[in-house]
Amino acid sequence: MPHTRATSSVAVRLTLFADLRRLLPNGHDGPLTITLPPGSTVADLMAAASVPPEEDVTIGINGDQGARDSVLADGDDVVFFSPMEGG
């Protein structure tokens, strides 16, 4: 019987847009690869990326709209950007 091994981590690519780029680590100017435990949510990703929980963000996951409680999978491409404001 073949032995299957559970994934011990989930690596996601996070891109911050607009004014959220201010949260990037010093000297970093592109997407971040962040490794999380399996079952992690976007809220967990926000904490790992030092995005304050009160920050107003719009979330995209692999081109679809996401939410803070969306569970992430290995290889997901996540984007955070500020909601548009009108005048």
N, C-alpha and C. Protein backbone atom coordinates (compact mmCIF):
# COMPACT_ATOMS: atom_id res chain seq x y z
N MET A 1 0.85 -1.17 0.00
CA MET A 1 0.00 0.00 0.00
C MET A 1 0.90 1.24 0.00
N PRO A 2 0.70 2.18 -0.93
CA PRO A 2 1.54 3.37 -0.96
C PRO A 2 1.31 4.25 0.25
N HIS A 3 2.37 4.83 0.70
CA HIS A 3 2.30 5.73 1.85
C HIS A 3 2.07 7.16 1.35
N THR A 4 1.04 7.81 1.86
CA THR A 4 0.80 9.21 1.50
C THR A 4 1.18 10.08 2.67
N ARG A 5 1.73 11.22 2.35
CA ARG A 5 2.19 12.13 3.39
C ARG A 5 1.38 13.41 3.30
N ALA A 6 0.86 13.83 4.43
CA ALA A 6 0.10 15.08 4.47
C ALA A 6 1.06 16.25 4.26
N THR A 7 0.57 17.27 3.59
CA THR A 7 1.38 18.46 3.39
C THR A 7 1.59 19.13 4.74
N SER A 8 2.84 19.41 5.07
CA SER A 8 3.14 20.00 6.38
C SER A 8 3.14 21.52 6.34
N SER A 9 3.04 22.09 5.15
CA SER A 9 2.99 23.55 5.05
C SER A 9 2.32 23.96 3.75
N VAL A 10 1.89 25.21 3.74
CA VAL A 10 1.24 25.80 2.58
C VAL A 10 2.03 27.05 2.23
N ALA A 11 2.56 27.11 1.01
CA ALA A 11 3.30 28.30 0.56
C ALA A 11 2.41 29.09 -0.38
N VAL A 12 2.19 30.36 -0.05
CA VAL A 12 1.37 31.23 -0.89
C VAL A 12 2.19 32.44 -1.31
N ARG A 13 1.81 32.99 -2.45
CA ARG A 13 2.47 34.19 -2.95
C ARG A 13 1.54 35.37 -2.67
N LEU A 14 2.04 36.37 -1.96
CA LEU A 14 1.25 37.53 -1.58
C LEU A 14 1.79 38.78 -2.26
N THR A 15 0.90 39.51 -2.92
CA THR A 15 1.26 40.78 -3.53
C THR A 15 0.40 41.87 -2.90
N LEU A 16 1.06 42.95 -2.48
CA LEU A 16 0.36 44.11 -1.90
C LEU A 16 0.35 45.23 -2.93
N PHE A 17 -0.82 45.85 -3.11
CA PHE A 17 -0.97 46.93 -4.08
C PHE A 17 -1.33 48.24 -3.39
N ALA A 18 -1.12 49.32 -4.14
CA ALA A 18 -1.49 50.69 -3.74
C ALA A 18 -0.84 51.04 -2.41
N ASP A 19 -1.58 51.70 -1.52
CA ASP A 19 -0.97 52.16 -0.28
C ASP A 19 -0.59 51.02 0.66
N LEU A 20 -1.05 49.80 0.41
CA LEU A 20 -0.67 48.67 1.25
C LEU A 20 0.80 48.29 1.05
N ARG A 21 1.41 48.76 -0.02
CA ARG A 21 2.83 48.48 -0.26
C ARG A 21 3.71 49.04 0.87
N ARG A 22 3.17 50.00 1.62
CA ARG A 22 3.92 50.56 2.74
C ARG A 22 4.21 49.49 3.81
N LEU A 23 3.47 48.39 3.77
CA LEU A 23 3.64 47.32 4.74
C LEU A 23 4.71 46.30 4.34
N LEU A 24 5.25 46.43 3.12
CA LEU A 24 6.31 45.52 2.68
C LEU A 24 7.56 45.70 3.54
N PRO A 25 8.29 44.63 3.78
CA PRO A 25 9.56 44.76 4.51
C PRO A 25 10.50 45.71 3.77
N ASN A 26 11.32 46.41 4.53
CA ASN A 26 12.30 47.33 3.92
C ASN A 26 13.12 46.61 2.86
N GLY A 27 13.28 47.28 1.71
CA GLY A 27 14.09 46.73 0.64
C GLY A 27 13.36 45.72 -0.23
N HIS A 28 12.12 45.42 0.08
CA HIS A 28 11.36 44.44 -0.70
C HIS A 28 10.37 45.18 -1.59
N ASP A 29 10.34 44.82 -2.87
CA ASP A 29 9.50 45.56 -3.81
C ASP A 29 8.66 44.65 -4.70
N GLY A 30 8.42 43.44 -4.28
CA GLY A 30 7.65 42.53 -5.12
C GLY A 30 6.83 41.59 -4.27
N PRO A 31 6.32 40.53 -4.88
CA PRO A 31 5.53 39.56 -4.13
C PRO A 31 6.35 38.88 -3.04
N LEU A 32 5.67 38.51 -1.99
CA LEU A 32 6.28 37.77 -0.89
C LEU A 32 5.81 36.32 -0.96
N THR A 33 6.69 35.39 -0.67
CA THR A 33 6.27 34.00 -0.50
C THR A 33 6.24 33.74 0.99
N ILE A 34 5.06 33.35 1.47
CA ILE A 34 4.86 33.13 2.90
C ILE A 34 4.40 31.69 3.10
N THR A 35 5.04 31.02 4.06
CA THR A 35 4.71 29.63 4.37
C THR A 35 3.88 29.59 5.65
N LEU A 36 2.77 28.88 5.57
CA LEU A 36 1.81 28.78 6.67
C LEU A 36 1.48 27.32 6.94
N PRO A 37 0.90 27.03 8.12
CA PRO A 37 0.43 25.66 8.37
C PRO A 37 -0.80 25.33 7.52
N PRO A 38 -1.01 24.07 7.20
CA PRO A 38 -2.22 23.68 6.46
C PRO A 38 -3.47 24.14 7.21
N GLY A 39 -4.49 24.51 6.47
CA GLY A 39 -5.74 24.98 7.07
C GLY A 39 -5.74 26.46 7.40
N SER A 40 -4.63 27.15 7.08
CA SER A 40 -4.55 28.59 7.37
C SER A 40 -5.51 29.37 6.49
N THR A 41 -5.97 30.48 7.05
CA THR A 41 -6.90 31.36 6.34
C THR A 41 -6.20 32.65 5.92
N VAL A 42 -6.93 33.46 5.18
CA VAL A 42 -6.40 34.77 4.79
C VAL A 42 -6.09 35.60 6.04
N ALA A 43 -6.89 35.49 7.08
CA ALA A 43 -6.61 36.22 8.33
C ALA A 43 -5.25 35.79 8.89
N ASP A 44 -4.94 34.50 8.82
CA ASP A 44 -3.63 34.02 9.27
C ASP A 44 -2.51 34.59 8.41
N LEU A 45 -2.76 34.66 7.11
CA LEU A 45 -1.78 35.25 6.18
C LEU A 45 -1.55 36.71 6.51
N MET A 46 -2.63 37.44 6.79
CA MET A 46 -2.49 38.85 7.16
C MET A 46 -1.60 39.00 8.38
N ALA A 47 -1.82 38.17 9.39
CA ALA A 47 -1.00 38.24 10.61
C ALA A 47 0.46 37.92 10.29
N ALA A 48 0.70 36.89 9.49
CA ALA A 48 2.07 36.50 9.13
C ALA A 48 2.78 37.59 8.34
N ALA A 49 2.02 38.37 7.56
CA ALA A 49 2.59 39.44 6.74
C ALA A 49 2.57 40.78 7.45
N SER A 50 2.21 40.78 8.73
CA SER A 50 2.16 42.01 9.54
C SER A 50 1.19 43.04 8.99
N VAL A 51 0.08 42.57 8.41
CA VAL A 51 -0.99 43.46 7.98
C VAL A 51 -1.94 43.59 9.16
N PRO A 52 -2.10 44.80 9.72
CA PRO A 52 -2.96 44.96 10.90
C PRO A 52 -4.38 44.47 10.62
N PRO A 53 -5.01 43.79 11.60
CA PRO A 53 -6.36 43.26 11.38
C PRO A 53 -7.39 44.33 11.09
N GLU A 54 -7.14 45.56 11.52
CA GLU A 54 -8.10 46.65 11.26
C GLU A 54 -7.91 47.28 9.88
N GLU A 55 -6.88 46.85 9.16
CA GLU A 55 -6.62 47.39 7.81
C GLU A 55 -7.76 46.99 6.88
N ASP A 56 -8.28 47.97 6.13
CA ASP A 56 -9.36 47.72 5.18
C ASP A 56 -8.73 47.23 3.87
N VAL A 57 -8.91 45.95 3.56
CA VAL A 57 -8.31 45.38 2.36
C VAL A 57 -9.35 44.64 1.53
N THR A 58 -9.17 44.68 0.23
CA THR A 58 -9.91 43.82 -0.68
C THR A 58 -8.98 42.66 -1.01
N ILE A 59 -9.52 41.45 -1.04
CA ILE A 59 -8.72 40.24 -1.14
C ILE A 59 -9.02 39.52 -2.45
N GLY A 60 -7.97 39.14 -3.15
CA GLY A 60 -8.11 38.29 -4.33
C GLY A 60 -7.30 37.02 -4.15
N ILE A 61 -7.88 35.89 -4.54
CA ILE A 61 -7.19 34.60 -4.47
C ILE A 61 -7.30 33.93 -5.83
N ASN A 62 -6.17 33.79 -6.50
CA ASN A 62 -6.14 33.16 -7.82
C ASN A 62 -7.14 33.80 -8.79
N GLY A 63 -7.27 35.12 -8.71
CA GLY A 63 -8.14 35.85 -9.63
C GLY A 63 -9.59 35.95 -9.21
N ASP A 64 -9.96 35.33 -8.10
CA ASP A 64 -11.33 35.40 -7.59
C ASP A 64 -11.34 36.19 -6.29
N GLN A 65 -12.51 36.73 -5.95
CA GLN A 65 -12.62 37.47 -4.70
C GLN A 65 -12.53 36.51 -3.53
N GLY A 66 -11.78 36.92 -2.51
CA GLY A 66 -11.61 36.11 -1.31
C GLY A 66 -12.13 36.84 -0.09
N ALA A 67 -12.05 36.18 1.05
CA ALA A 67 -12.48 36.75 2.32
C ALA A 67 -11.46 36.37 3.38
N ARG A 68 -11.52 37.04 4.51
CA ARG A 68 -10.56 36.76 5.58
C ARG A 68 -10.65 35.33 6.08
N ASP A 69 -11.83 34.71 5.95
CA ASP A 69 -11.98 33.33 6.42
C ASP A 69 -11.75 32.29 5.32
N SER A 70 -11.32 32.73 4.14
CA SER A 70 -11.00 31.79 3.05
C SER A 70 -9.79 30.95 3.44
N VAL A 71 -9.91 29.63 3.28
CA VAL A 71 -8.81 28.72 3.58
C VAL A 71 -7.87 28.69 2.37
N LEU A 72 -6.58 28.80 2.64
CA LEU A 72 -5.57 28.87 1.59
C LEU A 72 -5.02 27.48 1.25
N ALA A 73 -4.65 27.32 -0.01
CA ALA A 73 -4.04 26.07 -0.48
C ALA A 73 -2.62 26.36 -0.96
N ASP A 74 -1.80 25.33 -0.95
CA ASP A 74 -0.43 25.48 -1.42
C ASP A 74 -0.43 26.01 -2.86
N GLY A 75 0.38 27.04 -3.09
CA GLY A 75 0.51 27.61 -4.43
C GLY A 75 -0.48 28.73 -4.74
N ASP A 76 -1.36 29.06 -3.80
CA ASP A 76 -2.31 30.15 -4.05
C ASP A 76 -1.58 31.46 -4.31
N ASP A 77 -2.16 32.26 -5.18
CA ASP A 77 -1.67 33.59 -5.51
C ASP A 77 -2.66 34.58 -4.90
N VAL A 78 -2.24 35.28 -3.85
CA VAL A 78 -3.12 36.17 -3.09
C VAL A 78 -2.70 37.61 -3.31
N VAL A 79 -3.69 38.48 -3.50
CA VAL A 79 -3.42 39.91 -3.61
C VAL A 79 -4.27 40.65 -2.59
N PHE A 80 -3.67 41.68 -2.00
CA PHE A 80 -4.38 42.60 -1.11
C PHE A 80 -4.29 43.97 -1.75
N PHE A 81 -5.41 44.67 -1.82
CA PHE A 81 -5.38 46.05 -2.28
C PHE A 81 -6.43 46.84 -1.54
N SER A 82 -6.25 48.16 -1.53
CA SER A 82 -7.18 49.05 -0.83
C SER A 82 -8.46 49.18 -1.64
N PRO A 83 -9.60 49.20 -0.95
CA PRO A 83 -10.85 49.43 -1.67
C PRO A 83 -10.82 50.79 -2.36
N MET A 84 -11.49 50.87 -3.49
CA MET A 84 -11.55 52.14 -4.23
C MET A 84 -12.43 53.12 -3.46
N GLU A 85 -12.01 54.37 -3.48
CA GLU A 85 -12.79 55.42 -2.84
C GLU A 85 -13.22 56.41 -3.90
N GLY A 86 -14.45 56.82 -3.81
CA GLY A 86 -14.98 57.79 -4.77
C GLY A 86 -14.99 59.19 -4.18
N GLY A 87 -15.24 60.15 -5.05
CA GLY A 87 -15.26 61.53 -4.56
C GLY A 87 -16.50 62.24 -4.98
